């Protein structure tokens, strides 16, 4: 693991905007949290966690990105800030309330918001004319999925990525690591404590 002990004395502009997005989405996120056990985090991702996810995903200039479980949209906004102006982002959210809230706030023409099960990413990607994507970012709590479903989703994710593409999953446990090593050629793990709860950020390379 590669912990980052540094605490910036003054948040950068992208961090301040990420924090603002947190504040705007906090009430709706908490409102839905108690009714959906598939939401793993208690609050939207902190700017520190989002920054670590963005560094891991390396989506600067990316043309095709997929996000599983966008939730309150904090990570979504930061992906859009960094990816190509001619790129496209496909998000897949299962919770209908979070999907509706995100749809009301998201107006970027580059994003395709889809409600559904990430395990159907192969079908959804075909419908959205997505193929050979640069990165897949996931906030889904894999711990709540049956073992067979984890395998199914990771297999479809690896197939969707271009050679050299990255799958980034932020999770509260390390249970996913053995499967990442099975489906990807290399895996990197980082730990971010400045989030509630703290998260591991796992980057798997195709």
C-alpha atoms as a PDB file:
ATOM      1  CA  UNK A   1       0.000   0.000   0.000  1.00  0.00           C
ATOM      2  CA  UNK A   2       1.074   3.573  -0.644  1.00  0.00           C
ATOM      3  CA  UNK A   3      -0.366   5.855   2.062  1.00  0.00           C
ATOM      4  CA  UNK A   4      -0.266   9.586   1.433  1.00  0.00           C
ATOM      5  CA  UNK A   5       0.324  11.375   4.760  1.00  0.00           C
ATOM      6  CA  UNK A   6       0.301  14.882   3.333  1.00  0.00           C
ATOM      7  CA  UNK A   7      -2.489  17.280   4.279  1.00  0.00           C
ATOM      8  CA  UNK A   8      -2.711  20.317   1.980  1.00  0.00           C
ATOM      9  CA  UNK A   9      -2.707  23.593   3.875  1.00  0.00           C
ATOM     10  CA  UNK A  10      -5.213  25.085   1.473  1.00  0.00           C
ATOM     11  CA  UNK A  11      -7.612  23.065  -0.724  1.00  0.00           C
ATOM     12  CA  UNK A  12      -7.102  23.445  -4.456  1.00  0.00           C
ATOM     13  CA  UNK A  13      -9.917  24.761  -6.611  1.00  0.00           C
ATOM     14  CA  UNK A  14     -11.040  21.299  -7.700  1.00  0.00           C
ATOM     15  CA  UNK A  15     -11.060  20.187  -4.043  1.00  0.00           C
ATOM     16  CA  UNK A  16     -13.185  23.188  -3.003  1.00  0.00           C
ATOM     17  CA  UNK A  17     -15.667  22.461  -5.785  1.00  0.00           C
ATOM     18  CA  UNK A  18     -15.766  18.788  -4.827  1.00  0.00           C
ATOM     19  CA  UNK A  19     -16.507  19.769  -1.226  1.00  0.00           C
ATOM     20  CA  UNK A  20     -19.318  22.022  -2.429  1.00  0.00           C
ATOM     21  CA  UNK A  21     -20.781  19.153  -4.393  1.00  0.00           C
ATOM     22  CA  UNK A  22     -20.618  17.076  -1.214  1.00  0.00           C
ATOM     23  CA  UNK A  23     -22.594  19.704   0.694  1.00  0.00           C
ATOM     24  CA  UNK A  24     -25.235  19.999  -2.026  1.00  0.00           C
ATOM     25  CA  UNK A  25     -25.789  16.269  -2.251  1.00  0.00           C
ATOM     26  CA  UNK A  26     -25.454  15.357   1.428  1.00  0.00           C
ATOM     27  CA  UNK A  27     -29.102  15.667   2.446  1.00  0.00           C
ATOM     28  CA  UNK A  28     -30.468  13.591  -0.420  1.00  0.00           C
ATOM     29  CA  UNK A  29     -27.713  11.011   0.011  1.00  0.00           C
ATOM     30  CA  UNK A  30     -28.423  10.504   3.719  1.00  0.00           C
ATOM     31  CA  UNK A  31     -32.152  10.380   3.038  1.00  0.00           C
ATOM     32  CA  UNK A  32     -31.700   7.360   0.793  1.00  0.00           C
ATOM     33  CA  UNK A  33     -28.872   5.698   2.742  1.00  0.00           C
ATOM     34  CA  UNK A  34     -31.051   4.135   5.424  1.00  0.00           C
ATOM     35  CA  UNK A  35     -33.397   2.563   2.885  1.00  0.00           C
ATOM     36  CA  UNK A  36     -30.776   0.885   0.702  1.00  0.00           C
ATOM     37  CA  UNK A  37     -28.257  -1.551   2.177  1.00  0.00           C
ATOM     38  CA  UNK A  38     -26.344  -1.495  -1.145  1.00  0.00           C
ATOM     39  CA  UNK A  39     -25.086   2.018  -0.344  1.00  0.00           C
ATOM     40  CA  UNK A  40     -21.814   1.352   1.441  1.00  0.00           C
ATOM     41  CA  UNK A  41     -20.704   4.854   2.452  1.00  0.00           C
ATOM     42  CA  UNK A  42     -22.362   6.893   5.204  1.00  0.00           C
ATOM     43  CA  UNK A  43     -21.675  10.216   3.447  1.00  0.00           C
ATOM     44  CA  UNK A  44     -20.653  11.230  -0.075  1.00  0.00           C
ATOM     45  CA  UNK A  45     -16.956  10.797  -0.822  1.00  0.00           C
ATOM     46  CA  UNK A  46     -14.610  13.380   0.709  1.00  0.00           C
ATOM     47  CA  UNK A  47     -12.420  15.578  -1.476  1.00  0.00           C
ATOM     48  CA  UNK A  48      -9.411  13.571  -0.308  1.00  0.00           C
ATOM     49  CA  UNK A  49     -10.923  10.277  -1.412  1.00  0.00           C
ATOM     50  CA  UNK A  50     -12.124  11.777  -4.692  1.00  0.00           C
ATOM     51  CA  UNK A  51      -8.662  13.185  -5.366  1.00  0.00           C
ATOM     52  CA  UNK A  52      -7.078   9.788  -4.763  1.00  0.00           C
ATOM     53  CA  UNK A  53      -9.646   8.107  -7.049  1.00  0.00           C
ATOM     54  CA  UNK A  54      -8.953  10.618  -9.806  1.00  0.00           C
ATOM     55  CA  UNK A  55      -5.205  10.120  -9.577  1.00  0.00           C
ATOM     56  CA  UNK A  56      -5.711   6.366  -9.757  1.00  0.00           C
ATOM     57  CA  UNK A  57      -8.137   6.507 -12.701  1.00  0.00           C
ATOM     58  CA  UNK A  58      -5.979   8.950 -14.707  1.00  0.00           C
ATOM     59  CA  UNK A  59      -8.938  10.047 -16.849  1.00  0.00           C
ATOM     60  CA  UNK A  60      -7.328  13.271 -18.114  1.00  0.00           C
ATOM     61  CA  UNK A  61      -8.221  13.440 -21.801  1.00  0.00           C
ATOM     62  CA  UNK A  62     -10.057  10.080 -21.718  1.00  0.00           C
ATOM     63  CA  UNK A  63     -12.582   9.488 -24.512  1.00  0.00           C
ATOM     64  CA  UNK A  64     -14.700   6.750 -22.916  1.00  0.00           C
ATOM     65  CA  UNK A  65     -15.263   6.215 -19.180  1.00  0.00           C
ATOM     66  CA  UNK A  66     -17.799   4.090 -17.293  1.00  0.00           C
ATOM     67  CA  UNK A  67     -18.854   4.644 -13.675  1.00  0.00           C
ATOM     68  CA  UNK A  68     -20.679   2.075 -11.555  1.00  0.00           C
ATOM     69  CA  UNK A  69     -22.769   3.451  -8.700  1.00  0.00           C
ATOM     70  CA  UNK A  70     -22.358   7.227  -9.101  1.00  0.00           C
ATOM     71  CA  UNK A  71     -24.539   7.868  -6.030  1.00  0.00           C
ATOM     72  CA  UNK A  72     -24.515  11.583  -5.197  1.00  0.00           C
ATOM     73  CA  UNK A  73     -22.377  12.327  -8.279  1.00  0.00           C
ATOM     74  CA  UNK A  74     -19.303  13.707  -6.497  1.00  0.00           C
ATOM     75  CA  UNK A  75     -16.906  11.445  -8.422  1.00  0.00           C
ATOM     76  CA  UNK A  76     -18.983  11.872 -11.591  1.00  0.00           C
ATOM     77  CA  UNK A  77     -18.433  15.627 -11.651  1.00  0.00           C
ATOM     78  CA  UNK A  78     -14.689  15.240 -11.231  1.00  0.00           C
ATOM     79  CA  UNK A  79     -14.460  12.676 -14.037  1.00  0.00           C
ATOM     80  CA  UNK A  80     -16.257  15.102 -16.339  1.00  0.00           C
ATOM     81  CA  UNK A  81     -13.878  17.928 -15.339  1.00  0.00           C
ATOM     82  CA  UNK A  82     -10.896  15.864 -16.476  1.00  0.00           C
ATOM     83  CA  UNK A  83     -11.998  13.793 -19.448  1.00  0.00           C
ATOM     84  CA  UNK A  84     -11.928  14.912 -23.076  1.00  0.00           C
ATOM     85  CA  UNK A  85     -14.380  17.592 -24.180  1.00  0.00           C
ATOM     86  CA  UNK A  86     -15.310  15.170 -26.945  1.00  0.00           C
ATOM     87  CA  UNK A  87     -15.520  12.177 -24.610  1.00  0.00           C
ATOM     88  CA  UNK A  88     -18.476  10.332 -23.140  1.00  0.00           C
ATOM     89  CA  UNK A  89     -19.180   9.072 -19.646  1.00  0.00           C
ATOM     90  CA  UNK A  90     -21.617   6.228 -19.003  1.00  0.00           C
ATOM     91  CA  UNK A  91     -22.954   5.952 -15.433  1.00  0.00           C
ATOM     92  CA  UNK A  92     -24.998   3.023 -14.125  1.00  0.00           C
ATOM     93  CA  UNK A  93     -26.980   3.519 -10.906  1.00  0.00           C
ATOM     94  CA  UNK A  94     -29.359   0.925  -9.441  1.00  0.00           C
ATOM     95  CA  UNK A  95     -31.000   3.020  -6.697  1.00  0.00           C
ATOM     96  CA  UNK A  96     -33.975   4.846  -8.297  1.00  0.00           C
ATOM     97  CA  UNK A  97     -33.950   7.716  -5.797  1.00  0.00           C
ATOM     98  CA  UNK A  98     -30.236   8.433  -6.218  1.00  0.00           C
ATOM     99  CA  UNK A  99     -30.648   8.107  -9.982  1.00  0.00           C
ATOM    100  CA  UNK A 100     -33.517  10.632  -9.993  1.00  0.00           C
ATOM    101  CA  UNK A 101     -31.559  13.082  -7.813  1.00  0.00           C
ATOM    102  CA  UNK A 102     -28.471  12.817 -10.020  1.00  0.00           C
ATOM    103  CA  UNK A 103     -30.553  13.239 -13.183  1.00  0.00           C
ATOM    104  CA  UNK A 104     -31.962  16.509 -11.877  1.00  0.00           C
ATOM    105  CA  UNK A 105     -28.475  17.916 -11.226  1.00  0.00           C
ATOM    106  CA  UNK A 106     -26.536  16.525 -14.180  1.00  0.00           C
ATOM    107  CA  UNK A 107     -26.790  18.489 -17.432  1.00  0.00           C
ATOM    108  CA  UNK A 108     -23.495  17.739 -19.170  1.00  0.00           C
ATOM    109  CA  UNK A 109     -24.260  16.444 -22.693  1.00  0.00           C
ATOM    110  CA  UNK A 110     -21.269  14.084 -22.499  1.00  0.00           C
ATOM    111  CA  UNK A 111     -22.841  11.918 -19.799  1.00  0.00           C
ATOM    112  CA  UNK A 112     -25.271   9.053 -20.382  1.00  0.00           C
ATOM    113  CA  UNK A 113     -27.145   8.337 -17.152  1.00  0.00           C
ATOM    114  CA  UNK A 114     -28.597   4.836 -16.984  1.00  0.00           C
ATOM    115  CA  UNK A 115     -30.603   3.184 -14.254  1.00  0.00           C
ATOM    116  CA  UNK A 116     -29.949  -0.512 -13.905  1.00  0.00           C
ATOM    117  CA  UNK A 117     -27.679  -3.265 -12.682  1.00  0.00           C
ATOM    118  CA  UNK A 118     -23.948  -2.864 -13.371  1.00  0.00           C
ATOM    119  CA  UNK A 119     -23.836  -6.597 -14.036  1.00  0.00           C
ATOM    120  CA  UNK A 120     -25.620  -5.754 -17.299  1.00  0.00           C
ATOM    121  CA  UNK A 121     -22.816  -3.399 -18.347  1.00  0.00           C
ATOM    122  CA  UNK A 122     -22.149  -5.385 -21.527  1.00  0.00           C
ATOM    123  CA  UNK A 123     -25.720  -4.859 -22.756  1.00  0.00           C
ATOM    124  CA  UNK A 124     -25.922  -1.233 -21.577  1.00  0.00           C
ATOM    125  CA  UNK A 125     -22.564  -0.403 -23.167  1.00  0.00           C
ATOM    126  CA  UNK A 126     -23.740  -1.823 -26.504  1.00  0.00           C
ATOM    127  CA  UNK A 127     -26.927   0.253 -26.329  1.00  0.00           C
ATOM    128  CA  UNK A 128     -24.868   3.401 -25.665  1.00  0.00           C
ATOM    129  CA  UNK A 129     -22.316   2.483 -28.360  1.00  0.00           C
ATOM    130  CA  UNK A 130     -19.537   2.146 -25.809  1.00  0.00           C
ATOM    131  CA  UNK A 131     -16.640  -0.142 -26.574  1.00  0.00           C
ATOM    132  CA  UNK A 132     -13.003  -0.392 -25.514  1.00  0.00           C
ATOM    133  CA  UNK A 133     -13.248   2.156 -22.703  1.00  0.00           C
ATOM    134  CA  UNK A 134     -10.273   3.921 -21.110  1.00  0.00           C
ATOM    135  CA  UNK A 135     -11.347   3.517 -17.489  1.00  0.00           C
ATOM    136  CA  UNK A 136     -14.065   2.093 -15.271  1.00  0.00           C
ATOM    137  CA  UNK A 137     -14.598   3.654 -11.839  1.00  0.00           C
ATOM    138  CA  UNK A 138     -16.720   1.843  -9.266  1.00  0.00           C
ATOM    139  CA  UNK A 139     -18.247   2.859  -5.967  1.00  0.00           C
ATOM    140  CA  UNK A 140     -20.342  -0.304  -5.798  1.00  0.00           C
ATOM    141  CA  UNK A 141     -20.036  -2.238  -2.519  1.00  0.00           C
ATOM    142  CA  UNK A 142     -18.830  -5.547  -3.931  1.00  0.00           C
ATOM    143  CA  UNK A 143     -19.091  -7.099  -0.452  1.00  0.00           C
ATOM    144  CA  UNK A 144     -22.881  -7.135  -0.829  1.00  0.00           C
ATOM    145  CA  UNK A 145     -22.738  -9.102  -4.087  1.00  0.00           C
ATOM    146  CA  UNK A 146     -22.727 -12.899  -4.202  1.00  0.00           C
ATOM    147  CA  UNK A 147     -19.375 -14.376  -5.201  1.00  0.00           C
ATOM    148  CA  UNK A 148     -20.701 -15.386  -8.630  1.00  0.00           C
ATOM    149  CA  UNK A 149     -21.926 -11.843  -9.287  1.00  0.00           C
ATOM    150  CA  UNK A 150     -18.535 -10.360  -8.384  1.00  0.00           C
ATOM    151  CA  UNK A 151     -16.887 -12.698 -10.866  1.00  0.00           C
ATOM    152  CA  UNK A 152     -19.454 -11.851 -13.536  1.00  0.00           C
ATOM    153  CA  UNK A 153     -19.040  -8.102 -13.146  1.00  0.00           C
ATOM    154  CA  UNK A 154     -15.245  -8.169 -13.048  1.00  0.00           C
ATOM    155  CA  UNK A 155     -15.113 -10.414 -16.104  1.00  0.00           C
ATOM    156  CA  UNK A 156     -17.368  -8.056 -18.065  1.00  0.00           C
ATOM    157  CA  UNK A 157     -15.390  -5.051 -16.843  1.00  0.00           C
ATOM    158  CA  UNK A 158     -12.077  -6.527 -17.983  1.00  0.00           C
ATOM    159  CA  UNK A 159     -13.597  -7.360 -21.375  1.00  0.00           C
ATOM    160  CA  UNK A 160     -14.873  -3.787 -21.793  1.00  0.00           C
ATOM    161  CA  UNK A 161     -11.551  -2.079 -21.021  1.00  0.00           C
ATOM    162  CA  UNK A 162      -9.017  -1.361 -23.740  1.00  0.00           C
ATOM    163  CA  UNK A 163      -5.526  -2.862 -23.328  1.00  0.00           C
ATOM    164  CA  UNK A 164      -3.806  -0.782 -20.656  1.00  0.00           C
ATOM    165  CA  UNK A 165      -7.138   0.515 -19.352  1.00  0.00           C
ATOM    166  CA  UNK A 166      -7.815   0.879 -15.634  1.00  0.00           C
ATOM    167  CA  UNK A 167     -10.493  -0.360 -13.275  1.00  0.00           C
ATOM    168  CA  UNK A 168     -10.635   1.659 -10.049  1.00  0.00           C
ATOM    169  CA  UNK A 169     -12.774   0.447  -7.154  1.00  0.00           C
ATOM    170  CA  UNK A 170     -13.026   2.274  -3.840  1.00  0.00           C
ATOM    171  CA  UNK A 171     -14.098  -0.077  -1.052  1.00  0.00           C
ATOM    172  CA  UNK A 172     -14.109  -0.288   2.734  1.00  0.00           C
ATOM    173  CA  UNK A 173     -12.458  -3.737   2.781  1.00  0.00           C
ATOM    174  CA  UNK A 174      -9.793  -5.627   0.798  1.00  0.00           C
ATOM    175  CA  UNK A 175     -12.034  -8.569  -0.059  1.00  0.00           C
ATOM    176  CA  UNK A 176     -11.874  -7.723  -3.774  1.00  0.00           C
ATOM    177  CA  UNK A 177      -8.103  -8.039  -4.140  1.00  0.00           C
ATOM    178  CA  UNK A 178      -7.895 -11.782  -4.964  1.00  0.00           C
ATOM    179  CA  UNK A 179     -10.439 -11.403  -7.757  1.00  0.00           C
ATOM    180  CA  UNK A 180      -8.687  -8.335  -9.172  1.00  0.00           C
ATOM    181  CA  UNK A 181      -5.500 -10.362  -9.412  1.00  0.00           C
ATOM    182  CA  UNK A 182      -7.433 -13.062 -11.239  1.00  0.00           C
ATOM    183  CA  UNK A 183      -8.877 -10.792 -13.929  1.00  0.00           C
ATOM    184  CA  UNK A 184      -6.187  -8.115 -14.307  1.00  0.00           C
ATOM    185  CA  UNK A 185      -2.435  -8.182 -14.907  1.00  0.00           C
ATOM    186  CA  UNK A 186      -1.469  -5.759 -12.103  1.00  0.00           C
ATOM    187  CA  UNK A 187      -3.130  -4.290  -9.012  1.00  0.00           C
ATOM    188  CA  UNK A 188      -2.228  -1.303  -6.822  1.00  0.00           C
ATOM    189  CA  UNK A 189      -3.815  -0.576  -3.428  1.00  0.00           C
ATOM    190  CA  UNK A 190      -3.949   2.715  -1.533  1.00  0.00           C
ATOM    191  CA  UNK A 191      -5.615   3.686   1.747  1.00  0.00           C
ATOM    192  CA  UNK A 192      -7.485   6.938   2.357  1.00  0.00           C
ATOM    193  CA  UNK A 193      -8.348   7.647   5.995  1.00  0.00           C
ATOM    194  CA  UNK A 194      -9.730  11.145   5.367  1.00  0.00           C
ATOM    195  CA  UNK A 195     -13.195   9.838   4.535  1.00  0.00           C
ATOM    196  CA  UNK A 196     -16.171   8.503   6.505  1.00  0.00           C
ATOM    197  CA  UNK A 197     -15.663   5.593   6.534  1.00  0.00           C
ATOM    198  CA  UNK A 198     -12.015   5.263   5.385  1.00  0.00           C
ATOM    199  CA  UNK A 199     -11.659   3.540   1.998  1.00  0.00           C
ATOM    200  CA  UNK A 200      -9.204   1.459   0.067  1.00  0.00           C
ATOM    201  CA  UNK A 201      -8.659   2.625  -3.514  1.00  0.00           C
ATOM    202  CA  UNK A 202      -7.777  -0.341  -5.729  1.00  0.00           C
ATOM    203  CA  UNK A 203      -6.455   0.159  -9.234  1.00  0.00           C
ATOM    204  CA  UNK A 204      -6.397  -2.824 -11.578  1.00  0.00           C
ATOM    205  CA  UNK A 205      -4.666  -2.627 -14.971  1.00  0.00           C
ATOM    206  CA  UNK A 206      -5.738  -4.618 -17.998  1.00  0.00           C
END
